């Protein structure tokens, strides 16, 4: 109410219905607050028909509004729950939000002109998520590793998942009654590792999985995209965007 009273023609929305009812081609200002904390994971949001707009819907709406500015605009879209899913050791929810981000990127590309719009897609860090080889072609990414349709057993006689983490809440090391840790992998032979909520196994026991140290990819299209090639320092991204906006020569 305080924000709405600060200027005329302001609207606040708290759900997807209010978001869709707003006139994005008009002159009014909008403030969307759909959750008291973080937005839902995409795989959970999809079950809530009245809850939140999708990342694609918000991206498209923002471009519709901002593209009316003849002086150009800057829009940042973040698939922030990818990071949260990985911290939780929940690869399925993280991948669900990664897919949602991919769809939002496709929508942004479709809604803009590459002749005058630079789109940059990147991440600010990696995670300790790894892919274990060698699963057969077509094997579910969330499943157990198979070769010739048979489970591959590790040297401890137990199957293993294609995805695992270096650390996190899904650790194979568990606290014993005496307070010590015992590291012994759970036999996943009869476990549905594709079930929503399954946590991929990890090594180091932590309450939250950590960031990794690898370089991250950067993809770009539009004016100045040619300046993103090979390996670049993080700060170079700012300079390319500033140049694209005409802030520097």
Protein backbone atom coordinates (compact mmCIF):
# COMPACT_ATOMS: atom_id res chain seq x y z
CA UNK A 1 0.00 0.00 0.00
CA UNK A 2 2.86 2.38 0.79
CA UNK A 3 4.44 1.72 -2.62
CA UNK A 4 1.11 2.14 -4.44
CA UNK A 5 0.53 5.45 -2.68
CA UNK A 6 3.90 6.78 -3.80
CA UNK A 7 2.78 7.54 -7.36
CA UNK A 8 -0.39 7.35 -9.47
CA UNK A 9 -1.26 4.40 -11.68
CA UNK A 10 0.57 1.76 -9.65
CA UNK A 11 -0.59 -1.86 -9.34
CA UNK A 12 0.59 -4.66 -7.07
CA UNK A 13 -0.15 -8.32 -7.81
CA UNK A 14 0.26 -11.42 -5.67
CA UNK A 15 -0.75 -14.25 -8.01
CA UNK A 16 -0.72 -15.39 -11.62
CA UNK A 17 -4.29 -14.20 -12.26
CA UNK A 18 -3.41 -10.64 -11.27
CA UNK A 19 -0.25 -10.82 -13.33
CA UNK A 20 -2.13 -11.91 -16.44
CA UNK A 21 -4.83 -9.27 -15.96
CA UNK A 22 -2.31 -6.41 -15.98
CA UNK A 23 -2.04 -4.35 -19.17
CA UNK A 24 1.61 -4.74 -20.12
CA UNK A 25 1.18 -2.35 -23.05
CA UNK A 26 -0.05 0.45 -20.82
CA UNK A 27 1.79 3.09 -18.81
CA UNK A 28 1.10 1.82 -15.30
CA UNK A 29 3.76 0.51 -12.95
CA UNK A 30 3.53 -2.98 -11.47
CA UNK A 31 5.03 -4.66 -8.43
CA UNK A 32 4.72 -8.44 -8.28
CA UNK A 33 5.26 -10.27 -5.00
CA UNK A 34 4.16 -13.86 -5.40
CA UNK A 35 5.77 -15.51 -2.37
CA UNK A 36 6.84 -14.40 1.13
CA UNK A 37 10.28 -15.82 0.35
CA UNK A 38 11.61 -17.66 -2.71
CA UNK A 39 9.51 -18.53 -5.73
CA UNK A 40 8.50 -22.18 -6.02
CA UNK A 41 10.55 -24.70 -7.92
CA UNK A 42 9.15 -25.08 -11.43
CA UNK A 43 8.20 -28.72 -10.82
CA UNK A 44 6.16 -27.59 -7.82
CA UNK A 45 4.81 -24.40 -9.40
CA UNK A 46 3.31 -26.41 -12.24
CA UNK A 47 0.99 -28.10 -9.71
CA UNK A 48 -0.29 -24.75 -8.40
CA UNK A 49 -2.63 -23.38 -11.05
CA UNK A 50 -3.41 -20.16 -9.18
CA UNK A 51 0.03 -19.39 -7.82
CA UNK A 52 2.90 -17.86 -9.71
CA UNK A 53 3.56 -16.86 -13.31
CA UNK A 54 6.28 -18.85 -15.01
CA UNK A 55 9.73 -17.48 -15.69
CA UNK A 56 8.84 -17.40 -19.39
CA UNK A 57 5.67 -15.41 -18.72
CA UNK A 58 7.53 -12.88 -16.58
CA UNK A 59 10.31 -12.55 -19.13
CA UNK A 60 7.91 -12.00 -22.03
CA UNK A 61 5.88 -9.47 -20.06
CA UNK A 62 8.98 -7.54 -19.02
CA UNK A 63 10.20 -7.34 -22.62
CA UNK A 64 6.76 -6.20 -23.79
CA UNK A 65 6.84 -3.35 -21.31
CA UNK A 66 10.51 -2.35 -21.61
CA UNK A 67 10.65 -2.49 -25.41
CA UNK A 68 8.36 0.55 -25.50
CA UNK A 69 11.34 2.63 -24.39
CA UNK A 70 12.94 4.00 -27.56
CA UNK A 71 16.18 4.61 -25.66
CA UNK A 72 16.63 0.90 -25.00
CA UNK A 73 16.59 -1.04 -21.75
CA UNK A 74 18.45 -3.47 -19.51
CA UNK A 75 16.64 -6.57 -18.25
CA UNK A 76 18.13 -9.20 -15.96
CA UNK A 77 16.35 -12.54 -15.71
CA UNK A 78 17.60 -15.08 -13.18
CA UNK A 79 16.69 -18.74 -12.85
CA UNK A 80 17.71 -18.52 -9.21
CA UNK A 81 16.16 -21.75 -8.04
CA UNK A 82 18.58 -23.81 -10.12
CA UNK A 83 21.16 -22.81 -7.54
CA UNK A 84 18.83 -23.61 -4.65
CA UNK A 85 18.02 -27.06 -5.99
CA UNK A 86 21.69 -27.89 -6.28
CA UNK A 87 22.42 -26.62 -2.78
CA UNK A 88 19.66 -28.96 -1.58
CA UNK A 89 21.22 -31.91 -3.41
CA UNK A 90 18.01 -32.20 -5.44
CA UNK A 91 19.12 -32.56 -9.04
CA UNK A 92 15.62 -33.13 -10.39
CA UNK A 93 14.25 -29.83 -9.11
CA UNK A 94 17.42 -28.04 -10.24
CA UNK A 95 17.08 -29.50 -13.73
CA UNK A 96 13.40 -28.55 -13.81
CA UNK A 97 14.31 -24.93 -13.20
CA UNK A 98 17.18 -25.13 -15.70
CA UNK A 99 14.63 -26.20 -18.31
CA UNK A 100 12.37 -23.30 -17.29
CA UNK A 101 15.29 -20.91 -17.76
CA UNK A 102 16.00 -22.40 -21.18
CA UNK A 103 12.38 -21.78 -22.18
CA UNK A 104 12.60 -18.19 -20.93
CA UNK A 105 15.73 -17.64 -23.02
CA UNK A 106 13.94 -18.97 -26.11
CA UNK A 107 11.05 -16.60 -25.41
CA UNK A 108 13.45 -13.66 -25.07
CA UNK A 109 15.12 -14.52 -28.37
CA UNK A 110 11.74 -14.75 -30.09
CA UNK A 111 10.57 -11.42 -28.64
CA UNK A 112 13.63 -9.36 -29.61
CA UNK A 113 15.57 -8.36 -32.71
CA UNK A 114 19.19 -9.60 -32.80
CA UNK A 115 20.09 -6.50 -34.81
CA UNK A 116 19.60 -4.24 -31.81
CA UNK A 117 19.38 -6.49 -28.76
CA UNK A 118 22.30 -8.20 -27.03
CA UNK A 119 21.30 -11.29 -25.05
CA UNK A 120 23.90 -12.77 -22.70
CA UNK A 121 23.36 -16.05 -20.86
CA UNK A 122 25.78 -17.21 -18.19
CA UNK A 123 26.17 -18.33 -14.58
CA UNK A 124 28.05 -16.81 -11.68
CA UNK A 125 29.53 -20.10 -10.45
CA UNK A 126 29.43 -23.87 -10.79
CA UNK A 127 28.41 -26.57 -8.29
CA UNK A 128 29.87 -29.92 -7.24
CA UNK A 129 27.38 -31.89 -9.37
CA UNK A 130 29.11 -34.49 -11.53
CA UNK A 131 28.13 -37.06 -14.16
CA UNK A 132 29.36 -40.61 -13.59
CA UNK A 133 30.19 -42.79 -16.60
CA UNK A 134 29.42 -44.80 -18.50
CA UNK A 135 25.62 -45.01 -18.70
CA UNK A 136 24.16 -46.49 -21.86
CA UNK A 137 22.70 -44.16 -24.46
CA UNK A 138 19.19 -43.10 -23.51
CA UNK A 139 19.63 -43.97 -19.84
CA UNK A 140 17.58 -41.59 -17.63
CA UNK A 141 19.83 -38.81 -16.33
CA UNK A 142 18.25 -39.28 -12.88
CA UNK A 143 18.52 -43.05 -13.00
CA UNK A 144 21.04 -45.69 -12.02
CA UNK A 145 23.87 -46.37 -14.44
CA UNK A 146 23.15 -49.27 -16.80
CA UNK A 147 25.03 -50.97 -19.59
CA UNK A 148 23.19 -53.31 -21.97
CA UNK A 149 20.08 -52.74 -19.83
CA UNK A 150 21.79 -54.17 -16.73
CA UNK A 151 22.78 -52.28 -13.60
CA UNK A 152 26.47 -51.53 -13.35
CA UNK A 153 27.82 -52.46 -9.94
CA UNK A 154 30.60 -50.52 -8.24
CA UNK A 155 33.39 -52.32 -6.39
CA UNK A 156 31.23 -52.43 -3.26
CA UNK A 157 28.66 -54.50 -5.15
CA UNK A 158 26.07 -51.72 -5.29
CA UNK A 159 24.68 -49.72 -8.24
CA UNK A 160 25.31 -45.99 -8.54
CA UNK A 161 23.47 -43.00 -9.94
CA UNK A 162 24.50 -41.13 -13.07
CA UNK A 163 24.46 -37.89 -11.07
CA UNK A 164 26.11 -37.30 -7.72
CA UNK A 165 27.56 -34.45 -5.69
CA UNK A 166 30.94 -33.86 -4.13
CA UNK A 167 29.23 -32.78 -0.92
CA UNK A 168 25.81 -32.00 0.47
CA UNK A 169 22.83 -33.38 2.39
CA UNK A 170 22.73 -36.65 0.44
CA UNK A 171 26.07 -37.78 1.87
CA UNK A 172 26.90 -41.48 2.09
CA UNK A 173 28.46 -40.69 5.49
CA UNK A 174 25.93 -40.90 8.33
CA UNK A 175 26.14 -40.06 12.02
CA UNK A 176 26.24 -43.11 14.30
CA UNK A 177 24.87 -43.37 17.88
CA UNK A 178 28.38 -42.79 19.23
CA UNK A 179 28.60 -39.52 17.30
CA UNK A 180 31.08 -40.82 14.74
CA UNK A 181 30.52 -40.91 10.99
CA UNK A 182 30.26 -44.13 9.03
CA UNK A 183 30.61 -43.91 5.25
CA UNK A 184 28.69 -46.73 3.58
CA UNK A 185 26.70 -46.33 0.38
CA UNK A 186 23.01 -47.18 0.47
CA UNK A 187 21.99 -50.02 -1.84
CA UNK A 188 19.81 -48.25 -4.41
CA UNK A 189 18.88 -51.38 -6.38
CA UNK A 190 15.20 -51.11 -5.46
CA UNK A 191 15.06 -47.35 -4.97
CA UNK A 192 13.30 -45.11 -7.49
CA UNK A 193 16.00 -42.49 -7.96
CA UNK A 194 13.76 -40.61 -10.42
CA UNK A 195 11.14 -39.89 -7.75
CA UNK A 196 10.64 -36.21 -6.94
CA UNK A 197 12.50 -35.40 -3.74
CA UNK A 198 15.23 -38.02 -4.09
CA UNK A 199 18.59 -36.56 -3.12
CA UNK A 200 21.57 -37.60 -5.21
CA UNK A 201 24.37 -39.27 -3.22
CA UNK A 202 27.26 -37.08 -2.15
CA UNK A 203 30.54 -37.66 -0.36
CA UNK A 204 31.29 -34.95 2.20
CA UNK A 205 28.38 -34.57 4.66
CA UNK A 206 27.17 -30.97 4.62
CA UNK A 207 23.79 -29.45 5.36
CA UNK A 208 23.99 -27.55 2.08
CA UNK A 209 25.93 -28.46 -1.05
CA UNK A 210 28.56 -25.89 -2.05
CA UNK A 211 29.66 -24.06 -5.16
CA UNK A 212 32.38 -25.53 -7.34
CA UNK A 213 35.42 -23.96 -8.95
CA UNK A 214 35.06 -24.67 -12.67
CA UNK A 215 34.78 -22.04 -15.38
CA UNK A 216 31.19 -21.49 -16.47
CA UNK A 217 29.86 -21.15 -19.99
CA UNK A 218 28.73 -17.88 -21.53
CA UNK A 219 26.48 -17.64 -24.58
CA UNK A 220 25.55 -14.47 -26.43
CA UNK A 221 23.69 -13.22 -29.46
CA UNK A 222 23.24 -9.75 -30.91
CA UNK A 223 25.47 -6.66 -31.11
CA UNK A 224 28.81 -7.34 -29.45
CA UNK A 225 28.25 -11.08 -29.12
CA UNK A 226 31.41 -11.70 -31.13
CA UNK A 227 33.43 -10.33 -28.20
CA UNK A 228 32.46 -13.37 -26.14
CA UNK A 229 34.75 -16.11 -27.39
CA UNK A 230 37.24 -18.43 -25.80
CA UNK A 231 37.97 -17.85 -22.13
CA UNK A 232 37.17 -14.41 -20.73
CA UNK A 233 37.47 -12.86 -17.29
CA UNK A 234 34.20 -12.20 -15.50
CA UNK A 235 34.67 -8.42 -15.48
CA UNK A 236 34.86 -8.36 -19.29
CA UNK A 237 31.14 -9.15 -19.44
CA UNK A 238 30.34 -5.76 -17.93
CA UNK A 239 32.48 -3.88 -20.43
CA UNK A 240 30.85 -5.61 -23.41
CA UNK A 241 27.37 -4.84 -22.11
CA UNK A 242 28.33 -1.21 -21.43
CA UNK A 243 29.66 -0.91 -24.96
CA UNK A 244 26.49 -2.44 -26.38
CA UNK A 245 24.45 0.17 -24.48
CA UNK A 246 26.58 2.97 -25.87
CA UNK A 247 27.88 3.92 -22.43
CA UNK A 248 31.51 3.66 -23.58
CA UNK A 249 33.24 3.96 -26.94
